[in-house]
mmCIF file of all heavy atoms, coordinates in Angstrom:
data_MODEL
# 
_entry.id   MODEL 
# 
loop_
_atom_site.group_PDB 
_atom_site.id 
_atom_site.type_symbol 
_atom_site.label_atom_id 
_atom_site.label_alt_id 
_atom_site.label_comp_id 
_atom_site.label_asym_id 
_atom_site.label_entity_id 
_atom_site.label_seq_id 
_atom_site.pdbx_PDB_ins_code 
_atom_site.Cartn_x 
_atom_site.Cartn_y 
_atom_site.Cartn_z 
_atom_site.occupancy 
_atom_site.B_iso_or_equiv 
_atom_site.pdbx_formal_charge 
_atom_site.auth_seq_id 
_atom_site.auth_comp_id 
_atom_site.auth_asym_id 
_atom_site.auth_atom_id 
_atom_site.pdbx_PDB_model_num 
ATOM 1   N N   . LEU A 1 1  ? -2.061 -17.828 18.490  1.00 0.00 ? 1  LEU A N   1 
ATOM 2   C CA  . LEU A 1 1  ? -1.683 -16.705 17.649  1.00 0.00 ? 1  LEU A CA  1 
ATOM 3   C C   . LEU A 1 1  ? -0.239 -16.747 17.255  1.00 0.00 ? 1  LEU A C   1 
ATOM 4   O O   . LEU A 1 1  ? 0.193  -16.530 16.123  1.00 0.00 ? 1  LEU A O   1 
ATOM 5   C CB  . LEU A 1 1  ? -2.065 -15.393 18.242  1.00 0.00 ? 1  LEU A CB  1 
ATOM 6   C CG  . LEU A 1 1  ? -1.681 -14.092 17.505  1.00 0.00 ? 1  LEU A CG  1 
ATOM 7   C CD1 . LEU A 1 1  ? -2.369 -14.074 16.148  1.00 0.00 ? 1  LEU A CD1 1 
ATOM 8   C CD2 . LEU A 1 1  ? -2.064 -12.868 18.337  1.00 0.00 ? 1  LEU A CD2 1 
ATOM 9   N N   . ASP A 1 2  ? 0.654  -16.995 18.307  1.00 0.00 ? 2  ASP A N   1 
ATOM 10  C CA  . ASP A 1 2  ? 2.054  -17.037 18.133  1.00 0.00 ? 2  ASP A CA  1 
ATOM 11  C C   . ASP A 1 2  ? 2.496  -18.080 17.165  1.00 0.00 ? 2  ASP A C   1 
ATOM 12  O O   . ASP A 1 2  ? 3.344  -17.868 16.286  1.00 0.00 ? 2  ASP A O   1 
ATOM 13  C CB  . ASP A 1 2  ? 2.816  -17.209 19.455  1.00 0.00 ? 2  ASP A CB  1 
ATOM 14  C CG  . ASP A 1 2  ? 2.726  -15.955 20.339  1.00 0.00 ? 2  ASP A CG  1 
ATOM 15  O OD1 . ASP A 1 2  ? 2.363  -14.852 19.803  1.00 0.00 ? 2  ASP A OD1 1 
ATOM 16  O OD2 . ASP A 1 2  ? 2.977  -16.076 21.553  1.00 0.00 ? 2  ASP A OD2 1 
ATOM 17  N N   . LYS A 1 3  ? 1.874  -19.275 17.290  1.00 0.00 ? 3  LYS A N   1 
ATOM 18  C CA  . LYS A 1 3  ? 2.199  -20.352 16.429  1.00 0.00 ? 3  LYS A CA  1 
ATOM 19  C C   . LYS A 1 3  ? 1.782  -20.109 14.940  1.00 0.00 ? 3  LYS A C   1 
ATOM 20  O O   . LYS A 1 3  ? 2.564  -20.411 14.000  1.00 0.00 ? 3  LYS A O   1 
ATOM 21  C CB  . LYS A 1 3  ? 1.555  -21.691 16.922  1.00 0.00 ? 3  LYS A CB  1 
ATOM 22  C CG  . LYS A 1 3  ? 1.936  -22.884 16.134  1.00 0.00 ? 3  LYS A CG  1 
ATOM 23  C CD  . LYS A 1 3  ? 1.362  -24.161 16.692  1.00 0.00 ? 3  LYS A CD  1 
ATOM 24  C CE  . LYS A 1 3  ? 1.746  -25.391 15.900  1.00 0.00 ? 3  LYS A CE  1 
ATOM 25  N NZ  . LYS A 1 3  ? 1.069  -26.652 16.418  1.00 0.00 ? 3  LYS A NZ  1 
ATOM 26  N N   . MET A 1 4  ? 0.687  -19.478 14.840  1.00 0.00 ? 4  MET A N   1 
ATOM 27  C CA  . MET A 1 4  ? 0.207  -19.179 13.470  1.00 0.00 ? 4  MET A CA  1 
ATOM 28  C C   . MET A 1 4  ? 1.145  -18.131 12.811  1.00 0.00 ? 4  MET A C   1 
ATOM 29  O O   . MET A 1 4  ? 1.401  -18.264 11.611  1.00 0.00 ? 4  MET A O   1 
ATOM 30  C CB  . MET A 1 4  ? -1.272 -18.632 13.468  1.00 0.00 ? 4  MET A CB  1 
ATOM 31  C CG  . MET A 1 4  ? -1.839 -18.194 12.118  1.00 0.00 ? 4  MET A CG  1 
ATOM 32  S SD  . MET A 1 4  ? -3.507 -17.764 12.151  1.00 0.00 ? 4  MET A SD  1 
ATOM 33  C CE  . MET A 1 4  ? -4.293 -19.432 12.152  1.00 0.00 ? 4  MET A CE  1 
ATOM 34  N N   . GLN A 1 5  ? 1.531  -17.141 13.506  1.00 0.00 ? 5  GLN A N   1 
ATOM 35  C CA  . GLN A 1 5  ? 2.412  -16.119 13.079  1.00 0.00 ? 5  GLN A CA  1 
ATOM 36  C C   . GLN A 1 5  ? 3.669  -16.762 12.514  1.00 0.00 ? 5  GLN A C   1 
ATOM 37  O O   . GLN A 1 5  ? 4.291  -16.429 11.528  1.00 0.00 ? 5  GLN A O   1 
ATOM 38  C CB  . GLN A 1 5  ? 2.648  -15.002 14.110  1.00 0.00 ? 5  GLN A CB  1 
ATOM 39  C CG  . GLN A 1 5  ? 1.458  -14.127 14.303  1.00 0.00 ? 5  GLN A CG  1 
ATOM 40  C CD  . GLN A 1 5  ? 1.756  -13.128 15.422  1.00 0.00 ? 5  GLN A CD  1 
ATOM 41  O OE1 . GLN A 1 5  ? 2.350  -13.430 16.421  1.00 0.00 ? 5  GLN A OE1 1 
ATOM 42  N NE2 . GLN A 1 5  ? 1.228  -11.934 15.279  1.00 0.00 ? 5  GLN A NE2 1 
ATOM 43  N N   . GLU A 1 6  ? 4.258  -17.629 13.386  1.00 0.00 ? 6  GLU A N   1 
ATOM 44  C CA  . GLU A 1 6  ? 5.538  -18.301 13.010  1.00 0.00 ? 6  GLU A CA  1 
ATOM 45  C C   . GLU A 1 6  ? 5.355  -19.147 11.717  1.00 0.00 ? 6  GLU A C   1 
ATOM 46  O O   . GLU A 1 6  ? 6.242  -19.185 10.865  1.00 0.00 ? 6  GLU A O   1 
ATOM 47  C CB  . GLU A 1 6  ? 6.026  -19.236 14.165  1.00 0.00 ? 6  GLU A CB  1 
ATOM 48  C CG  . GLU A 1 6  ? 6.651  -18.457 15.294  1.00 0.00 ? 6  GLU A CG  1 
ATOM 49  C CD  . GLU A 1 6  ? 7.848  -17.570 14.854  1.00 0.00 ? 6  GLU A CD  1 
ATOM 50  O OE1 . GLU A 1 6  ? 8.663  -18.090 14.153  1.00 0.00 ? 6  GLU A OE1 1 
ATOM 51  O OE2 . GLU A 1 6  ? 7.897  -16.366 15.244  1.00 0.00 ? 6  GLU A OE2 1 
ATOM 52  N N   . GLU A 1 7  ? 4.222  -19.868 11.641  1.00 0.00 ? 7  GLU A N   1 
ATOM 53  C CA  . GLU A 1 7  ? 3.926  -20.666 10.428  1.00 0.00 ? 7  GLU A CA  1 
ATOM 54  C C   . GLU A 1 7  ? 3.734  -19.845 9.246   1.00 0.00 ? 7  GLU A C   1 
ATOM 55  O O   . GLU A 1 7  ? 3.930  -20.324 8.090   1.00 0.00 ? 7  GLU A O   1 
ATOM 56  C CB  . GLU A 1 7  ? 2.775  -21.612 10.715  1.00 0.00 ? 7  GLU A CB  1 
ATOM 57  C CG  . GLU A 1 7  ? 3.032  -22.666 11.701  1.00 0.00 ? 7  GLU A CG  1 
ATOM 58  C CD  . GLU A 1 7  ? 1.955  -23.658 11.839  1.00 0.00 ? 7  GLU A CD  1 
ATOM 59  O OE1 . GLU A 1 7  ? 0.826  -23.393 11.246  1.00 0.00 ? 7  GLU A OE1 1 
ATOM 60  O OE2 . GLU A 1 7  ? 2.084  -24.671 12.563  1.00 0.00 ? 7  GLU A OE2 1 
ATOM 61  N N   . MET A 1 8  ? 3.258  -18.609 9.376   1.00 0.00 ? 8  MET A N   1 
ATOM 62  C CA  . MET A 1 8  ? 3.033  -17.770 8.212   1.00 0.00 ? 8  MET A CA  1 
ATOM 63  C C   . MET A 1 8  ? 4.324  -17.077 7.709   1.00 0.00 ? 8  MET A C   1 
ATOM 64  O O   . MET A 1 8  ? 4.319  -16.522 6.587   1.00 0.00 ? 8  MET A O   1 
ATOM 65  C CB  . MET A 1 8  ? 2.028  -16.664 8.585   1.00 0.00 ? 8  MET A CB  1 
ATOM 66  C CG  . MET A 1 8  ? 0.547  -17.182 8.643   1.00 0.00 ? 8  MET A CG  1 
ATOM 67  S SD  . MET A 1 8  ? -0.572 -15.822 8.950   1.00 0.00 ? 8  MET A SD  1 
ATOM 68  C CE  . MET A 1 8  ? -2.206 -16.631 8.658   1.00 0.00 ? 8  MET A CE  1 
ATOM 69  N N   . LYS A 1 9  ? 5.321  -16.976 8.513   1.00 0.00 ? 9  LYS A N   1 
ATOM 70  C CA  . LYS A 1 9  ? 6.515  -16.223 8.177   1.00 0.00 ? 9  LYS A CA  1 
ATOM 71  C C   . LYS A 1 9  ? 7.196  -16.684 6.816   1.00 0.00 ? 9  LYS A C   1 
ATOM 72  O O   . LYS A 1 9  ? 7.558  -15.799 6.098   1.00 0.00 ? 9  LYS A O   1 
ATOM 73  C CB  . LYS A 1 9  ? 7.523  -16.192 9.279   1.00 0.00 ? 9  LYS A CB  1 
ATOM 74  C CG  . LYS A 1 9  ? 7.136  -15.229 10.430  1.00 0.00 ? 9  LYS A CG  1 
ATOM 75  C CD  . LYS A 1 9  ? 8.228  -15.096 11.522  1.00 0.00 ? 9  LYS A CD  1 
ATOM 76  C CE  . LYS A 1 9  ? 7.862  -14.113 12.553  1.00 0.00 ? 9  LYS A CE  1 
ATOM 77  N NZ  . LYS A 1 9  ? 8.870  -13.963 13.616  1.00 0.00 ? 9  LYS A NZ  1 
ATOM 78  N N   . PRO A 1 10 ? 7.368  -17.987 6.684   1.00 0.00 ? 10 PRO A N   1 
ATOM 79  C CA  . PRO A 1 10 ? 8.014  -18.343 5.350   1.00 0.00 ? 10 PRO A CA  1 
ATOM 80  C C   . PRO A 1 10 ? 7.217  -17.888 4.094   1.00 0.00 ? 10 PRO A C   1 
ATOM 81  O O   . PRO A 1 10 ? 7.783  -17.394 3.112   1.00 0.00 ? 10 PRO A O   1 
ATOM 82  C CB  . PRO A 1 10 ? 8.051  -19.906 5.397   1.00 0.00 ? 10 PRO A CB  1 
ATOM 83  C CG  . PRO A 1 10 ? 8.066  -20.197 6.887   1.00 0.00 ? 10 PRO A CG  1 
ATOM 84  C CD  . PRO A 1 10 ? 7.157  -19.125 7.486   1.00 0.00 ? 10 PRO A CD  1 
ATOM 85  N N   . GLN A 1 11 ? 5.904  -18.012 4.178   1.00 0.00 ? 11 GLN A N   1 
ATOM 86  C CA  . GLN A 1 11 ? 5.083  -17.623 3.083   1.00 0.00 ? 11 GLN A CA  1 
ATOM 87  C C   . GLN A 1 11 ? 5.098  -16.074 2.990   1.00 0.00 ? 11 GLN A C   1 
ATOM 88  O O   . GLN A 1 11 ? 5.112  -15.523 1.857   1.00 0.00 ? 11 GLN A O   1 
ATOM 89  C CB  . GLN A 1 11 ? 3.610  -18.045 3.241   1.00 0.00 ? 11 GLN A CB  1 
ATOM 90  C CG  . GLN A 1 11 ? 2.722  -17.734 2.049   1.00 0.00 ? 11 GLN A CG  1 
ATOM 91  C CD  . GLN A 1 11 ? 1.302  -18.181 2.269   1.00 0.00 ? 11 GLN A CD  1 
ATOM 92  O OE1 . GLN A 1 11 ? 0.982  -18.795 3.265   1.00 0.00 ? 11 GLN A OE1 1 
ATOM 93  N NE2 . GLN A 1 11 ? 0.427  -17.877 1.271   1.00 0.00 ? 11 GLN A NE2 1 
ATOM 94  N N   . ALA A 1 12 ? 5.157  -15.358 4.089   1.00 0.00 ? 12 ALA A N   1 
ATOM 95  C CA  . ALA A 1 12 ? 5.118  -13.949 4.076   1.00 0.00 ? 12 ALA A CA  1 
ATOM 96  C C   . ALA A 1 12 ? 6.435  -13.468 3.456   1.00 0.00 ? 12 ALA A C   1 
ATOM 97  O O   . ALA A 1 12 ? 6.496  -12.536 2.632   1.00 0.00 ? 12 ALA A O   1 
ATOM 98  C CB  . ALA A 1 12 ? 5.071  -13.376 5.522   1.00 0.00 ? 12 ALA A CB  1 
ATOM 99  N N   . LEU A 1 13 ? 7.555  -14.079 3.805   1.00 0.00 ? 13 LEU A N   1 
ATOM 100 C CA  . LEU A 1 13 ? 8.859  -13.702 3.275   1.00 0.00 ? 13 LEU A CA  1 
ATOM 101 C C   . LEU A 1 13 ? 8.865  -13.938 1.730   1.00 0.00 ? 13 LEU A C   1 
ATOM 102 O O   . LEU A 1 13 ? 9.347  -13.081 0.973   1.00 0.00 ? 13 LEU A O   1 
ATOM 103 C CB  . LEU A 1 13 ? 9.953  -14.635 3.885   1.00 0.00 ? 13 LEU A CB  1 
ATOM 104 C CG  . LEU A 1 13 ? 11.392 -14.411 3.361   1.00 0.00 ? 13 LEU A CG  1 
ATOM 105 C CD1 . LEU A 1 13 ? 11.796 -12.961 3.689   1.00 0.00 ? 13 LEU A CD1 1 
ATOM 106 C CD2 . LEU A 1 13 ? 12.340 -15.319 4.003   1.00 0.00 ? 13 LEU A CD2 1 
ATOM 107 N N   . LYS A 1 14 ? 8.362  -15.042 1.292   1.00 0.00 ? 14 LYS A N   1 
ATOM 108 C CA  . LYS A 1 14 ? 8.255  -15.378 -0.162  1.00 0.00 ? 14 LYS A CA  1 
ATOM 109 C C   . LYS A 1 14 ? 7.408  -14.241 -0.907  1.00 0.00 ? 14 LYS A C   1 
ATOM 110 O O   . LYS A 1 14 ? 7.772  -13.849 -1.963  1.00 0.00 ? 14 LYS A O   1 
ATOM 111 C CB  . LYS A 1 14 ? 7.702  -16.705 -0.392  1.00 0.00 ? 14 LYS A CB  1 
ATOM 112 C CG  . LYS A 1 14 ? 7.767  -17.208 -1.844  1.00 0.00 ? 14 LYS A CG  1 
ATOM 113 C CD  . LYS A 1 14 ? 7.301  -18.597 -1.990  1.00 0.00 ? 14 LYS A CD  1 
ATOM 114 C CE  . LYS A 1 14 ? 7.392  -19.042 -3.472  1.00 0.00 ? 14 LYS A CE  1 
ATOM 115 N NZ  . LYS A 1 14 ? 6.994  -20.473 -3.623  1.00 0.00 ? 14 LYS A NZ  1 
ATOM 116 N N   . ARG A 1 15 ? 6.294  -13.906 -0.270  1.00 0.00 ? 15 ARG A N   1 
ATOM 117 C CA  . ARG A 1 15 ? 5.422  -12.876 -0.896  1.00 0.00 ? 15 ARG A CA  1 
ATOM 118 C C   . ARG A 1 15 ? 6.195  -11.574 -1.047  1.00 0.00 ? 15 ARG A C   1 
ATOM 119 O O   . ARG A 1 15 ? 6.074  -10.883 -2.081  1.00 0.00 ? 15 ARG A O   1 
ATOM 120 C CB  . ARG A 1 15 ? 4.196  -12.679 -0.111  1.00 0.00 ? 15 ARG A CB  1 
ATOM 121 C CG  . ARG A 1 15 ? 3.167  -13.784 -0.198  1.00 0.00 ? 15 ARG A CG  1 
ATOM 122 C CD  . ARG A 1 15 ? 1.898  -13.393 0.512   1.00 0.00 ? 15 ARG A CD  1 
ATOM 123 N NE  . ARG A 1 15 ? 0.910  -14.451 0.441   1.00 0.00 ? 15 ARG A NE  1 
ATOM 124 C CZ  . ARG A 1 15 ? -0.378 -14.336 0.890   1.00 0.00 ? 15 ARG A CZ  1 
ATOM 125 N NH1 . ARG A 1 15 ? -0.774 -13.217 1.433   1.00 0.00 ? 15 ARG A NH1 1 
ATOM 126 N NH2 . ARG A 1 15 ? -1.207 -15.311 0.812   1.00 0.00 ? 15 ARG A NH2 1 
ATOM 127 N N   . ILE A 1 16 ? 6.952  -11.125 -0.019  1.00 0.00 ? 16 ILE A N   1 
ATOM 128 C CA  . ILE A 1 16 ? 7.692  -9.915  -0.029  1.00 0.00 ? 16 ILE A CA  1 
ATOM 129 C C   . ILE A 1 16 ? 8.737  -9.950  -1.097  1.00 0.00 ? 16 ILE A C   1 
ATOM 130 O O   . ILE A 1 16 ? 8.890  -9.022  -1.906  1.00 0.00 ? 16 ILE A O   1 
ATOM 131 C CB  . ILE A 1 16 ? 8.310  -9.562  1.382   1.00 0.00 ? 16 ILE A CB  1 
ATOM 132 C CG1 . ILE A 1 16 ? 7.224  -9.284  2.374   1.00 0.00 ? 16 ILE A CG1 1 
ATOM 133 C CG2 . ILE A 1 16 ? 9.281  -8.370  1.218   1.00 0.00 ? 16 ILE A CG2 1 
ATOM 134 C CD1 . ILE A 1 16 ? 7.740  -9.137  3.734   1.00 0.00 ? 16 ILE A CD1 1 
ATOM 135 N N   . GLN A 1 17 ? 9.518  -11.062 -1.093  1.00 0.00 ? 17 GLN A N   1 
ATOM 136 C CA  . GLN A 1 17 ? 10.597 -11.165 -2.130  1.00 0.00 ? 17 GLN A CA  1 
ATOM 137 C C   . GLN A 1 17 ? 10.039 -11.155 -3.529  1.00 0.00 ? 17 GLN A C   1 
ATOM 138 O O   . GLN A 1 17 ? 10.615 -10.480 -4.407  1.00 0.00 ? 17 GLN A O   1 
ATOM 139 C CB  . GLN A 1 17 ? 11.375 -12.407 -1.879  1.00 0.00 ? 17 GLN A CB  1 
ATOM 140 C CG  . GLN A 1 17 ? 12.193 -12.419 -0.608  1.00 0.00 ? 17 GLN A CG  1 
ATOM 141 C CD  . GLN A 1 17 ? 12.800 -13.749 -0.285  1.00 0.00 ? 17 GLN A CD  1 
ATOM 142 O OE1 . GLN A 1 17 ? 12.329 -14.813 -0.626  1.00 0.00 ? 17 GLN A OE1 1 
ATOM 143 N NE2 . GLN A 1 17 ? 13.953 -13.750 0.476   1.00 0.00 ? 17 GLN A NE2 1 
ATOM 144 N N   . THR A 1 18 ? 8.895  -11.842 -3.732  1.00 0.00 ? 18 THR A N   1 
ATOM 145 C CA  . THR A 1 18 ? 8.313  -11.842 -5.083  1.00 0.00 ? 18 THR A CA  1 
ATOM 146 C C   . THR A 1 18 ? 7.823  -10.488 -5.446  1.00 0.00 ? 18 THR A C   1 
ATOM 147 O O   . THR A 1 18 ? 8.080  -10.042 -6.636  1.00 0.00 ? 18 THR A O   1 
ATOM 148 C CB  . THR A 1 18 ? 7.133  -12.829 -5.074  1.00 0.00 ? 18 THR A CB  1 
ATOM 149 O OG1 . THR A 1 18 ? 7.546  -14.170 -4.785  1.00 0.00 ? 18 THR A OG1 1 
ATOM 150 C CG2 . THR A 1 18 ? 6.496  -12.837 -6.505  1.00 0.00 ? 18 THR A CG2 1 
ATOM 151 N N   . ARG A 1 19 ? 7.247  -9.781  -4.536  1.00 0.00 ? 19 ARG A N   1 
ATOM 152 C CA  . ARG A 1 19 ? 6.722  -8.432  -4.851  1.00 0.00 ? 19 ARG A CA  1 
ATOM 153 C C   . ARG A 1 19 ? 7.878  -7.472  -5.138  1.00 0.00 ? 19 ARG A C   1 
ATOM 154 O O   . ARG A 1 19 ? 7.748  -6.722  -6.113  1.00 0.00 ? 19 ARG A O   1 
ATOM 155 C CB  . ARG A 1 19 ? 5.986  -7.894  -3.587  1.00 0.00 ? 19 ARG A CB  1 
ATOM 156 C CG  . ARG A 1 19 ? 5.602  -6.458  -3.662  1.00 0.00 ? 19 ARG A CG  1 
ATOM 157 C CD  . ARG A 1 19 ? 4.379  -6.211  -4.521  1.00 0.00 ? 19 ARG A CD  1 
ATOM 158 N NE  . ARG A 1 19 ? 4.119  -4.786  -4.687  1.00 0.00 ? 19 ARG A NE  1 
ATOM 159 C CZ  . ARG A 1 19 ? 2.918  -4.292  -5.010  1.00 0.00 ? 19 ARG A CZ  1 
ATOM 160 N NH1 . ARG A 1 19 ? 1.900  -5.096  -5.310  1.00 0.00 ? 19 ARG A NH1 1 
ATOM 161 N NH2 . ARG A 1 19 ? 2.769  -3.003  -5.140  1.00 0.00 ? 19 ARG A NH2 1 
ATOM 162 N N   . LEU A 1 20 ? 8.948  -7.548  -4.434  1.00 0.00 ? 20 LEU A N   1 
ATOM 163 C CA  . LEU A 1 20 ? 10.057 -6.661  -4.642  1.00 0.00 ? 20 LEU A CA  1 
ATOM 164 C C   . LEU A 1 20 ? 10.788 -6.892  -6.045  1.00 0.00 ? 20 LEU A C   1 
ATOM 165 O O   . LEU A 1 20 ? 11.131 -5.993  -6.777  1.00 0.00 ? 20 LEU A O   1 
ATOM 166 C CB  . LEU A 1 20 ? 11.149 -6.809  -3.557  1.00 0.00 ? 20 LEU A CB  1 
ATOM 167 C CG  . LEU A 1 20 ? 10.720 -6.298  -2.193  1.00 0.00 ? 20 LEU A CG  1 
ATOM 168 C CD1 . LEU A 1 20 ? 11.774 -6.692  -1.166  1.00 0.00 ? 20 LEU A CD1 1 
ATOM 169 C CD2 . LEU A 1 20 ? 10.578 -4.770  -2.244  1.00 0.00 ? 20 LEU A CD2 1 
ATOM 170 N N   . VAL A 1 21 ? 10.830 -8.198  -6.404  1.00 0.00 ? 21 VAL A N   1 
ATOM 171 C CA  . VAL A 1 21 ? 11.360 -8.570  -7.728  1.00 0.00 ? 21 VAL A CA  1 
ATOM 172 C C   . VAL A 1 21 ? 10.489 -8.065  -8.802  1.00 0.00 ? 21 VAL A C   1 
ATOM 173 O O   . VAL A 1 21 ? 10.934 -7.505  -9.843  1.00 0.00 ? 21 VAL A O   1 
ATOM 174 C CB  . VAL A 1 21 ? 11.531 -10.119 -7.821  1.00 0.00 ? 21 VAL A CB  1 
ATOM 175 C CG1 . VAL A 1 21 ? 11.832 -10.499 -9.291  1.00 0.00 ? 21 VAL A CG1 1 
ATOM 176 C CG2 . VAL A 1 21 ? 12.689 -10.553 -6.903  1.00 0.00 ? 21 VAL A CG2 1 
ATOM 177 N N   . LEU A 1 22 ? 9.113  -8.159  -8.652  1.00 0.00 ? 22 LEU A N   1 
ATOM 178 C CA  . LEU A 1 22 ? 8.284  -7.725  -9.671  1.00 0.00 ? 22 LEU A CA  1 
ATOM 179 C C   . LEU A 1 22 ? 8.238  -6.239  -9.860  1.00 0.00 ? 22 LEU A C   1 
ATOM 180 O O   . LEU A 1 22 ? 8.141  -5.750  -10.926 1.00 0.00 ? 22 LEU A O   1 
ATOM 181 C CB  . LEU A 1 22 ? 6.799  -8.218  -9.356  1.00 0.00 ? 22 LEU A CB  1 
ATOM 182 C CG  . LEU A 1 22 ? 6.608  -9.725  -9.581  1.00 0.00 ? 22 LEU A CG  1 
ATOM 183 C CD1 . LEU A 1 22 ? 5.222  -10.117 -8.958  1.00 0.00 ? 22 LEU A CD1 1 
ATOM 184 C CD2 . LEU A 1 22 ? 6.705  -10.149 -10.936 1.00 0.00 ? 22 LEU A CD2 1 
ATOM 185 N N   . GLU A 1 23 ? 8.349  -5.585  -8.682  1.00 0.00 ? 23 GLU A N   1 
ATOM 186 C CA  . GLU A 1 23 ? 8.456  -4.097  -8.740  1.00 0.00 ? 23 GLU A CA  1 
ATOM 187 C C   . GLU A 1 23 ? 9.657  -3.648  -9.469  1.00 0.00 ? 23 GLU A C   1 
ATOM 188 O O   . GLU A 1 23 ? 9.692  -2.667  -10.224 1.00 0.00 ? 23 GLU A O   1 
ATOM 189 C CB  . GLU A 1 23 ? 8.462  -3.565  -7.293  1.00 0.00 ? 23 GLU A CB  1 
ATOM 190 C CG  . GLU A 1 23 ? 7.132  -3.548  -6.629  1.00 0.00 ? 23 GLU A CG  1 
ATOM 191 C CD  . GLU A 1 23 ? 7.207  -2.902  -5.198  1.00 0.00 ? 23 GLU A CD  1 
ATOM 192 O OE1 . GLU A 1 23 ? 8.295  -2.563  -4.753  1.00 0.00 ? 23 GLU A OE1 1 
ATOM 193 O OE2 . GLU A 1 23 ? 6.082  -2.889  -4.535  1.00 0.00 ? 23 GLU A OE2 1 
ATOM 194 N N   . LYS A 1 24 ? 10.789 -4.398  -9.284  1.00 0.00 ? 24 LYS A N   1 
ATOM 195 C CA  . LYS A 1 24 ? 12.037 -3.999  -9.993  1.00 0.00 ? 24 LYS A CA  1 
ATOM 196 C C   . LYS A 1 24 ? 11.977 -4.286  -11.499 1.00 0.00 ? 24 LYS A C   1 
ATOM 197 O O   . LYS A 1 24 ? 12.422 -3.554  -12.241 1.00 0.00 ? 24 LYS A O   1 
ATOM 198 C CB  . LYS A 1 24 ? 13.179 -4.812  -9.343  1.00 0.00 ? 24 LYS A CB  1 
ATOM 199 C CG  . LYS A 1 24 ? 14.500 -4.429  -9.969  1.00 0.00 ? 24 LYS A CG  1 
ATOM 200 C CD  . LYS A 1 24 ? 14.856 -2.964  -9.976  1.00 0.00 ? 24 LYS A CD  1 
ATOM 201 C CE  . LYS A 1 24 ? 14.930 -2.343  -8.610  1.00 0.00 ? 24 LYS A CE  1 
ATOM 202 N NZ  . LYS A 1 24 ? 15.256 -0.916  -8.667  1.00 0.00 ? 24 LYS A NZ  1 
ATOM 203 N N   . ILE A 1 25 ? 11.255 -5.435  -11.839 1.00 0.00 ? 25 ILE A N   1 
ATOM 204 C CA  . ILE A 1 25 ? 11.084 -5.692  -13.289 1.00 0.00 ? 25 ILE A CA  1 
ATOM 205 C C   . ILE A 1 25 ? 10.230 -4.566  -13.887 1.00 0.00 ? 25 ILE A C   1 
ATOM 206 O O   . ILE A 1 25 ? 10.592 -4.102  -15.002 1.00 0.00 ? 25 ILE A O   1 
ATOM 207 C CB  . ILE A 1 25 ? 10.384 -7.106  -13.388 1.00 0.00 ? 25 ILE A CB  1 
ATOM 208 C CG1 . ILE A 1 25 ? 11.364 -8.207  -12.983 1.00 0.00 ? 25 ILE A CG1 1 
ATOM 209 C CG2 . ILE A 1 25 ? 9.867  -7.264  -14.836 1.00 0.00 ? 25 ILE A CG2 1 
ATOM 210 C CD1 . ILE A 1 25 ? 10.685 -9.520  -12.943 1.00 0.00 ? 25 ILE A CD1 1 
ATOM 211 N N   . ALA A 1 26 ? 9.187  -4.146  -13.230 1.00 0.00 ? 26 ALA A N   1 
ATOM 212 C CA  . ALA A 1 26 ? 8.348  -3.110  -13.705 1.00 0.00 ? 26 ALA A CA  1 
ATOM 213 C C   . ALA A 1 26 ? 9.112  -1.827  -13.906 1.00 0.00 ? 26 ALA A C   1 
ATOM 214 O O   . ALA A 1 26 ? 8.886  -1.141  -14.917 1.00 0.00 ? 26 ALA A O   1 
ATOM 215 C CB  . ALA A 1 26 ? 7.170  -2.869  -12.782 1.00 0.00 ? 26 ALA A CB  1 
ATOM 216 N N   . GLU A 1 27 ? 10.046 -1.561  -13.012 1.00 0.00 ? 27 GLU A N   1 
ATOM 217 C CA  . GLU A 1 27 ? 10.788 -0.317  -13.116 1.00 0.00 ? 27 GLU A CA  1 
ATOM 218 C C   . GLU A 1 27 ? 11.824 -0.398  -14.215 1.00 0.00 ? 27 GLU A C   1 
ATOM 219 O O   . GLU A 1 27 ? 11.970 0.496   -15.007 1.00 0.00 ? 27 GLU A O   1 
ATOM 220 C CB  . GLU A 1 27 ? 11.578 -0.142  -11.750 1.00 0.00 ? 27 GLU A CB  1 
ATOM 221 C CG  . GLU A 1 27 ? 12.474 1.120   -11.787 1.00 0.00 ? 27 GLU A CG  1 
ATOM 222 C CD  . GLU A 1 27 ? 13.274 1.269   -10.499 1.00 0.00 ? 27 GLU A CD  1 
ATOM 223 O OE1 . GLU A 1 27 ? 12.863 0.734   -9.432  1.00 0.00 ? 27 GLU A OE1 1 
ATOM 224 O OE2 . GLU A 1 27 ? 14.398 1.783   -10.605 1.00 0.00 ? 27 GLU A OE2 1 
ATOM 225 N N   . VAL A 1 28 ? 12.529 -1.601  -14.287 1.00 0.00 ? 28 VAL A N   1 
ATOM 226 C CA  . VAL A 1 28 ? 13.546 -1.715  -15.306 1.00 0.00 ? 28 VAL A CA  1 
ATOM 227 C C   . VAL A 1 28 ? 12.982 -1.710  -16.737 1.00 0.00 ? 28 VAL A C   1 
ATOM 228 O O   . VAL A 1 28 ? 13.480 -1.123  -17.682 1.00 0.00 ? 28 VAL A O   1 
ATOM 229 C CB  . VAL A 1 28 ? 14.361 -3.015  -15.092 1.00 0.00 ? 28 VAL A CB  1 
ATOM 230 C CG1 . VAL A 1 28 ? 15.260 -3.297  -16.276 1.00 0.00 ? 28 VAL A CG1 1 
ATOM 231 C CG2 . VAL A 1 28 ? 15.190 -2.888  -13.810 1.00 0.00 ? 28 VAL A CG2 1 
# 
């Protein structure tokens, strides 16, 4: 479980960043 969580973190970070950018585009 710990190894899987660590391997998922880069993709999770990218998803969050993409989502925040898209939310800001929608707002602007």
